[in-house]
PDB file of N, CA and C in Angstrom:
ATOM      1  N   MET A   1     -60.850 291.423 -48.648  1.00  0.00           N
ATOM      2  CA  MET A   1     -61.944 290.478 -48.770  1.00  0.00           C
ATOM      3  C   MET A   1     -63.282 290.936 -48.204  1.00  0.00           C
ATOM      4  N   VAL A   2     -64.322 290.735 -48.901  1.00  0.00           N
ATOM      5  CA  VAL A   2     -65.577 291.137 -48.686  1.00  0.00           C
ATOM      6  C   VAL A   2     -66.138 290.356 -47.625  1.00  0.00           C
ATOM      7  N   HIS A   3     -66.701 290.837 -46.552  1.00  0.00           N
ATOM      8  CA  HIS A   3     -67.530 289.923 -45.620  1.00  0.00           C
ATOM      9  C   HIS A   3     -68.773 289.998 -45.918  1.00  0.00           C
ATOM     10  N   LEU A   4     -69.290 288.883 -46.007  1.00  0.00           N
ATOM     11  CA  LEU A   4     -70.796 288.423 -46.344  1.00  0.00           C
ATOM     12  C   LEU A   4     -71.667 288.010 -45.405  1.00  0.00           C
ATOM     13  N   GLU A   5     -72.693 288.327 -44.994  1.00  0.00           N
ATOM     14  CA  GLU A   5     -73.707 288.172 -43.987  1.00  0.00           C
ATOM     15  C   GLU A   5     -74.041 286.192 -44.299  1.00  0.00           C
ATOM     16  N   GLN A   6     -73.799 285.932 -43.421  1.00  0.00           N
ATOM     17  CA  GLN A   6     -74.289 284.234 -43.192  1.00  0.00           C
ATOM     18  C   GLN A   6     -75.818 284.286 -42.760  1.00  0.00           C
ATOM     19  N   ILE A   7     -76.462 283.159 -43.592  1.00  0.00           N
ATOM     20  CA  ILE A   7     -77.593 282.735 -42.909  1.00  0.00           C
ATOM     21  C   ILE A   7     -77.646 281.331 -42.610  1.00  0.00           C
ATOM     22  N   GLY A   8     -77.759 280.865 -41.180  1.00  0.00           N
ATOM     23  CA  GLY A   8     -77.829 279.177 -40.737  1.00  0.00           C
ATOM     24  C   GLY A   8     -79.068 278.649 -41.285  1.00  0.00           C
ATOM     25  N   LEU A   9     -78.848 277.623 -42.052  1.00  0.00           N
ATOM     26  CA  LEU A   9     -80.036 276.794 -42.456  1.00  0.00           C
ATOM     27  C   LEU A   9     -79.807 275.403 -41.495  1.00  0.00           C
ATOM     28  N   GLY A  10     -80.941 274.779 -40.806  1.00  0.00           N
ATOM     29  CA  GLY A  10     -80.724 273.841 -39.984  1.00  0.00           C
ATOM     30  C   GLY A  10     -80.972 272.545 -40.824  1.00  0.00           C
ATOM     31  N   LEU A  11     -80.455 271.705 -40.314  1.00  0.00           N
ATOM     32  CA  LEU A  11     -80.627 270.338 -40.930  1.00  0.00           C
ATOM     33  C   LEU A  11     -82.070 269.773 -41.221  1.00  0.00           C
ATOM     34  N   ASP A  12     -82.696 270.238 -40.306  1.00  0.00           N
ATOM     35  CA  ASP A  12     -84.348 269.784 -40.296  1.00  0.00           C
ATOM     36  C   ASP A  12     -84.944 270.605 -41.713  1.00  0.00           C
ATOM     37  N   GLU A  13     -84.625 271.781 -41.713  1.00  0.00           N
ATOM     38  CA  GLU A  13     -84.827 272.691 -42.962  1.00  0.00           C
ATOM     39  C   GLU A  13     -84.037 272.257 -44.231  1.00  0.00           C
ATOM     40  N   LEU A  14     -82.944 272.108 -44.265  1.00  0.00           N
ATOM     41  CA  LEU A  14     -82.387 271.248 -45.461  1.00  0.00           C
ATOM     42  C   LEU A  14     -83.159 269.804 -45.671  1.00  0.00           C
ATOM     43  N   GLU A  15     -83.492 269.105 -44.982  1.00  0.00           N
ATOM     44  CA  GLU A  15     -84.048 267.626 -45.376  1.00  0.00           C
ATOM     45  C   GLU A  15     -85.765 267.921 -45.607  1.00  0.00           C
ATOM     46  N   ALA A  16     -86.158 269.054 -45.337  1.00  0.00           N
ATOM     47  CA  ALA A  16     -87.550 269.544 -45.988  1.00  0.00           C
ATOM     48  C   ALA A  16     -87.350 270.097 -47.388  1.00  0.00           C
ATOM     49  N   LEU A  17     -86.348 270.647 -47.474  1.00  0.00           N
ATOM     50  CA  LEU A  17     -86.046 271.359 -48.897  1.00  0.00           C
ATOM     51  C   LEU A  17     -85.677 270.114 -49.788  1.00  0.00           C
ATOM     52  N   ARG A  18     -85.193 268.978 -49.468  1.00  0.00           N
ATOM     53  CA  ARG A  18     -85.048 268.005 -50.158  1.00  0.00           C
ATOM     54  C   ARG A  18     -86.263 267.264 -50.641  1.00  0.00           C
ATOM     55  N   LEU A  19     -86.702 266.941 -49.506  1.00  0.00           N
ATOM     56  CA  LEU A  19     -88.051 266.155 -49.594  1.00  0.00           C
ATOM     57  C   LEU A  19     -89.047 266.841 -50.616  1.00  0.00           C
ATOM     58  N   ALA A  20     -89.583 268.248 -50.137  1.00  0.00           N
ATOM     59  CA  ALA A  20     -90.496 268.670 -50.959  1.00  0.00           C
ATOM     60  C   ALA A  20     -90.104 269.344 -52.483  1.00  0.00           C
ATOM     61  N   ASP A  21     -88.579 269.838 -52.544  1.00  0.00           N
ATOM     62  CA  ASP A  21     -88.731 270.667 -53.485  1.00  0.00           C
ATOM     63  C   ASP A  21     -87.487 269.584 -54.445  1.00  0.00           C
ATOM     64  N   LEU A  22     -86.491 268.799 -53.930  1.00  0.00           N
ATOM     65  CA  LEU A  22     -85.991 267.851 -54.885  1.00  0.00           C
ATOM     66  C   LEU A  22     -86.725 266.491 -55.228  1.00  0.00           C
ATOM     67  N   GLU A  23     -87.195 265.942 -54.122  1.00  0.00           N
ATOM     68  CA  GLU A  23     -88.054 264.693 -54.539  1.00  0.00           C
ATOM     69  C   GLU A  23     -89.555 265.041 -55.133  1.00  0.00           C
ATOM     70  N   GLY A  24     -89.920 266.113 -54.718  1.00  0.00           N
ATOM     71  CA  GLY A  24     -91.418 266.369 -55.131  1.00  0.00           C
ATOM     72  C   GLY A  24     -92.270 265.936 -54.247  1.00  0.00           C
ATOM     73  N   LEU A  25     -92.079 265.551 -53.008  1.00  0.00           N
ATOM     74  CA  LEU A  25     -93.152 264.822 -52.461  1.00  0.00           C
ATOM     75  C   LEU A  25     -94.127 265.989 -51.628  1.00  0.00           C
ATOM     76  N   TYR A  26     -95.329 265.819 -51.747  1.00  0.00           N
ATOM     77  CA  TYR A  26     -96.424 266.535 -50.855  1.00  0.00           C
ATOM     78  C   TYR A  26     -95.790 266.632 -49.478  1.00  0.00           C
ATOM     79  N   GLN A  27     -96.442 267.838 -48.866  1.00  0.00           N
ATOM     80  CA  GLN A  27     -96.443 268.098 -47.771  1.00  0.00           C
ATOM     81  C   GLN A  27     -96.607 266.839 -46.644  1.00  0.00           C
ATOM     82  N   GLU A  28     -97.789 266.172 -46.630  1.00  0.00           N
ATOM     83  CA  GLU A  28     -98.007 265.157 -45.886  1.00  0.00           C
ATOM     84  C   GLU A  28     -96.794 263.769 -45.906  1.00  0.00           C
ATOM     85  N   GLU A  29     -96.424 263.501 -46.972  1.00  0.00           N
ATOM     86  CA  GLU A  29     -95.804 262.675 -47.231  1.00  0.00           C
ATOM     87  C   GLU A  29     -94.420 262.510 -46.815  1.00  0.00           C
ATOM     88  N   ALA A  30     -94.148 263.962 -46.726  1.00  0.00           N
ATOM     89  CA  ALA A  30     -92.574 264.401 -46.477  1.00  0.00           C
ATOM     90  C   ALA A  30     -92.556 264.607 -44.808  1.00  0.00           C
ATOM     91  N   ALA A  31     -93.744 265.030 -44.365  1.00  0.00           N
ATOM     92  CA  ALA A  31     -93.797 265.075 -43.089  1.00  0.00           C
ATOM     93  C   ALA A  31     -93.599 263.856 -42.235  1.00  0.00           C
ATOM     94  N   ALA A  32     -94.359 262.690 -42.857  1.00  0.00           N
ATOM     95  CA  ALA A  32     -94.134 261.400 -42.399  1.00  0.00           C
ATOM     96  C   ALA A  32     -92.663 260.826 -42.540  1.00  0.00           C
ATOM     97  N   ARG A  33     -92.096 261.354 -43.382  1.00  0.00           N
ATOM     98  CA  ARG A  33     -90.595 260.797 -43.632  1.00  0.00           C
ATOM     99  C   ARG A  33     -89.776 261.502 -42.597  1.00  0.00           C
ATOM    100  N   MET A  34     -90.147 262.458 -42.158  1.00  0.00           N
ATOM    101  CA  MET A  34     -89.336 263.297 -40.908  1.00  0.00           C
ATOM    102  C   MET A  34     -89.946 263.271 -39.610  1.00  0.00           C
ATOM    103  N   ASN A  35     -91.071 262.226 -39.795  1.00  0.00           N
ATOM    104  CA  ASN A  35     -91.698 262.116 -38.343  1.00  0.00           C
ATOM    105  C   ASN A  35     -92.178 263.291 -37.661  1.00  0.00           C
ATOM    106  N   VAL A  36     -92.718 264.122 -38.190  1.00  0.00           N
ATOM    107  CA  VAL A  36     -93.309 265.615 -37.711  1.00  0.00           C
ATOM    108  C   VAL A  36     -94.664 265.485 -38.406  1.00  0.00           C
ATOM    109  N   SER A  37     -95.746 266.452 -37.630  1.00  0.00           N
ATOM    110  CA  SER A  37     -97.153 266.842 -38.331  1.00  0.00           C
ATOM    111  C   SER A  37     -96.976 267.441 -39.605  1.00  0.00           C
ATOM    112  N   ARG A  38     -97.990 267.263 -40.218  1.00  0.00           N
ATOM    113  CA  ARG A  38     -98.049 268.223 -41.571  1.00  0.00           C
ATOM    114  C   ARG A  38     -98.025 269.574 -41.165  1.00  0.00           C
ATOM    115  N   PRO A  39     -98.690 270.246 -40.217  1.00  0.00           N
ATOM    116  CA  PRO A  39     -98.376 271.635 -39.805  1.00  0.00           C
ATOM    117  C   PRO A  39     -97.012 271.906 -39.311  1.00  0.00           C
ATOM    118  N   THR A  40     -96.190 271.127 -38.966  1.00  0.00           N
ATOM    119  CA  THR A  40     -94.921 271.365 -38.481  1.00  0.00           C
ATOM    120  C   THR A  40     -93.864 271.202 -39.781  1.00  0.00           C
ATOM    121  N   PHE A  41     -94.032 270.400 -40.407  1.00  0.00           N
ATOM    122  CA  PHE A  41     -93.308 270.500 -41.862  1.00  0.00           C
ATOM    123  C   PHE A  41     -93.620 271.526 -42.651  1.00  0.00           C
ATOM    124  N   GLY A  42     -94.991 272.073 -42.523  1.00  0.00           N
ATOM    125  CA  GLY A  42     -95.126 273.420 -43.158  1.00  0.00           C
ATOM    126  C   GLY A  42     -94.635 274.834 -42.519  1.00  0.00           C
ATOM    127  N   ARG A  43     -94.205 274.680 -41.336  1.00  0.00           N
ATOM    128  CA  ARG A  43     -93.680 275.646 -40.715  1.00  0.00           C
ATOM    129  C   ARG A  43     -92.004 275.584 -41.099  1.00  0.00           C
ATOM    130  N   ILE A  44     -91.618 274.611 -41.227  1.00  0.00           N
ATOM    131  CA  ILE A  44     -90.075 274.005 -41.285  1.00  0.00           C
ATOM    132  C   ILE A  44     -90.020 274.524 -42.940  1.00  0.00           C
ATOM    133  N   ILE A  45     -90.590 274.212 -43.789  1.00  0.00           N
ATOM    134  CA  ILE A  45     -90.462 274.196 -45.303  1.00  0.00           C
ATOM    135  C   ILE A  45     -90.769 275.712 -45.513  1.00  0.00           C
ATOM    136  N   ASN A  46     -91.256 276.473 -45.033  1.00  0.00           N
ATOM    137  CA  ASN A  46     -91.717 277.789 -45.107  1.00  0.00           C
ATOM    138  C   ASN A  46     -90.300 278.691 -44.638  1.00  0.00           C
ATOM    139  N   GLU A  47     -90.176 278.245 -43.490  1.00  0.00           N
ATOM    140  CA  GLU A  47     -88.751 279.050 -42.882  1.00  0.00           C
ATOM    141  C   GLU A  47     -87.528 278.832 -43.769  1.00  0.00           C
ATOM    142  N   ALA A  48     -87.394 277.582 -44.263  1.00  0.00           N
ATOM    143  CA  ALA A  48     -86.160 277.402 -45.258  1.00  0.00           C
ATOM    144  C   ALA A  48     -86.466 277.942 -46.426  1.00  0.00           C
ATOM    145  N   ARG A  49     -87.325 278.077 -47.015  1.00  0.00           N
ATOM    146  CA  ARG A  49     -87.661 278.556 -48.400  1.00  0.00           C
ATOM    147  C   ARG A  49     -87.360 280.028 -48.243  1.00  0.00           C
ATOM    148  N   ARG A  50     -87.913 280.710 -47.102  1.00  0.00           N
ATOM    149  CA  ARG A  50     -87.452 282.207 -46.821  1.00  0.00           C
ATOM    150  C   ARG A  50     -86.468 282.509 -46.564  1.00  0.00           C
ATOM    151  N   LYS A  51     -85.509 281.644 -46.051  1.00  0.00           N
ATOM    152  CA  LYS A  51     -83.840 281.870 -45.830  1.00  0.00           C
ATOM    153  C   LYS A  51     -83.438 281.544 -47.190  1.00  0.00           C
ATOM    154  N   VAL A  52     -83.534 280.643 -48.031  1.00  0.00           N
ATOM    155  CA  VAL A  52     -82.804 280.394 -49.273  1.00  0.00           C
ATOM    156  C   VAL A  52     -83.197 281.757 -50.314  1.00  0.00           C
ATOM    157  N   ALA A  53     -84.489 282.041 -50.135  1.00  0.00           N
ATOM    158  CA  ALA A  53     -84.635 283.338 -50.927  1.00  0.00           C
ATOM    159  C   ALA A  53     -84.319 284.530 -50.460  1.00  0.00           C
ATOM    160  N   ASP A  54     -83.628 284.790 -49.310  1.00  0.00           N
ATOM    161  CA  ASP A  54     -83.090 285.824 -48.452  1.00  0.00           C
ATOM    162  C   ASP A  54     -81.786 285.835 -49.135  1.00  0.00           C
ATOM    163  N   ALA A  55     -81.076 284.580 -48.897  1.00  0.00           N
ATOM    164  CA  ALA A  55     -79.813 284.472 -49.396  1.00  0.00           C
ATOM    165  C   ALA A  55     -79.581 284.794 -50.923  1.00  0.00           C
ATOM    166  N   ILE A  56     -80.352 284.163 -52.017  1.00  0.00           N
ATOM    167  CA  ILE A  56     -80.302 284.611 -53.044  1.00  0.00           C
ATOM    168  C   ILE A  56     -80.420 286.034 -53.353  1.00  0.00           C
ATOM    169  N   ILE A  57     -81.246 286.489 -52.980  1.00  0.00           N
ATOM    170  CA  ILE A  57     -81.718 288.021 -53.344  1.00  0.00           C
ATOM    171  C   ILE A  57     -80.772 289.045 -52.752  1.00  0.00           C
ATOM    172  N   ASN A  58     -80.470 288.723 -51.423  1.00  0.00           N
ATOM    173  CA  ASN A  58     -79.653 289.640 -50.905  1.00  0.00           C
ATOM    174  C   ASN A  58     -78.243 289.395 -50.883  1.00  0.00           C
ATOM    175  N   GLY A  59     -77.616 288.407 -51.572  1.00  0.00           N
ATOM    176  CA  GLY A  59     -76.494 288.120 -51.735  1.00  0.00           C
ATOM    177  C   GLY A  59     -75.598 287.789 -50.271  1.00  0.00           C
ATOM    178  N   LYS A  60     -76.578 286.903 -49.448  1.00  0.00           N
ATOM    179  CA  LYS A  60     -76.127 286.539 -48.268  1.00  0.00           C
ATOM    180  C   LYS A  60     -75.434 284.926 -48.543  1.00  0.00           C
ATOM    181  N   VAL A  61     -74.583 284.523 -47.699  1.00  0.00           N
ATOM    182  CA  VAL A  61     -73.912 283.192 -47.686  1.00  0.00           C
ATOM    183  C   VAL A  61     -75.250 282.366 -46.804  1.00  0.00           C
ATOM    184  N   LEU A  62     -75.476 281.130 -47.382  1.00  0.00           N
ATOM    185  CA  LEU A  62     -76.182 279.995 -46.833  1.00  0.00           C
ATOM    186  C   LEU A  62     -75.273 279.159 -46.311  1.00  0.00           C
ATOM    187  N   VAL A  63     -75.410 278.820 -45.034  1.00  0.00           N
ATOM    188  CA  VAL A  63     -74.364 277.756 -44.324  1.00  0.00           C
ATOM    189  C   VAL A  63     -75.247 276.882 -43.547  1.00  0.00           C
ATOM    190  N   ILE A  64     -74.972 275.793 -44.067  1.00  0.00           N
ATOM    191  CA  ILE A  64     -75.866 274.458 -43.103  1.00  0.00           C
ATOM    192  C   ILE A  64     -75.347 274.734 -41.683  1.00  0.00           C
ATOM    193  N   GLU A  65     -76.467 274.591 -40.639  1.00  0.00           N
ATOM    194  CA  GLU A  65     -76.277 274.768 -39.202  1.00  0.00           C
ATOM    195  C   GLU A  65     -74.940 273.833 -38.689  1.00  0.00           C
ATOM    196  N   LYS A  66     -74.917 272.568 -39.454  1.00  0.00           N
ATOM    197  CA  LYS A  66     -73.640 272.034 -38.723  1.00  0.00           C
ATOM    198  C   LYS A  66     -72.168 272.489 -38.830  1.00  0.00           C
ATOM    199  N   GLN A  67     -72.299 273.189 -39.935  1.00  0.00           N
ATOM    200  CA  GLN A  67     -70.790 273.832 -40.449  1.00  0.00           C
ATOM    201  C   GLN A  67     -70.686 274.933 -39.875  1.00  0.00           C
ATOM    202  N   ILE A  68     -71.585 275.668 -39.131  1.00  0.00           N
ATOM    203  CA  ILE A  68     -71.429 276.683 -38.246  1.00  0.00           C
ATOM    204  C   ILE A  68     -71.029 276.240 -36.896  1.00  0.00           C
ATOM    205  N   GLN A  69     -71.912 275.151 -36.566  1.00  0.00           N
ATOM    206  CA  GLN A  69     -70.989 274.637 -35.261  1.00  0.00           C
ATOM    207  C   GLN A  69     -70.156 274.135 -35.239  1.00  0.00           C
ATOM    208  N   GLU A  70     -69.316 273.858 -36.180  1.00  0.00           N
ATOM    209  CA  GLU A  70     -67.961 273.344 -36.429  1.00  0.00           C
ATOM    210  C   GLU A  70     -66.836 274.445 -36.796  1.00  0.00           C
ATOM    211  N   GLU A  71     -67.242 275.734 -37.219  1.00  0.00           N
ATOM    212  CA  GLU A  71     -66.402 276.287 -37.422  1.00  0.00           C
ATOM    213  C   GLU A  71     -66.128 277.378 -36.148  1.00  0.00           C
ATOM    214  N   GLU A  72     -67.135 277.410 -34.964  1.00  0.00           N
ATOM    215  CA  GLU A  72     -67.049 277.745 -33.830  1.00  0.00           C
ATOM    216  C   GLU A  72     -66.317 276.995 -32.756  1.00  0.00           C
ATOM    217  N   LYS A  73     -65.728 275.813 -33.095  1.00  0.00           N
ATOM    218  CA  LYS A  73     -64.932 274.966 -32.296  1.00  0.00           C
ATOM    219  C   LYS A  73     -63.341 275.419 -32.250  1.00  0.00           C
TER     220      LYS A  73
END
């Protein structure tokens, strides 16, 4: 079996992707829903998008952070 490198996506990053890319909210509204500042939301969404792009382009497994923690138990 081929071992693929994993990239952990935090729950905050997943929520940012959902709000911005799935629901189509502007960063200001998405930030308010997450109770973070707009600059903080911008950093979260940029990192999330970088991880997703890395996984797609480089054939890595994207794993939600909570799943990684559960597998370690």
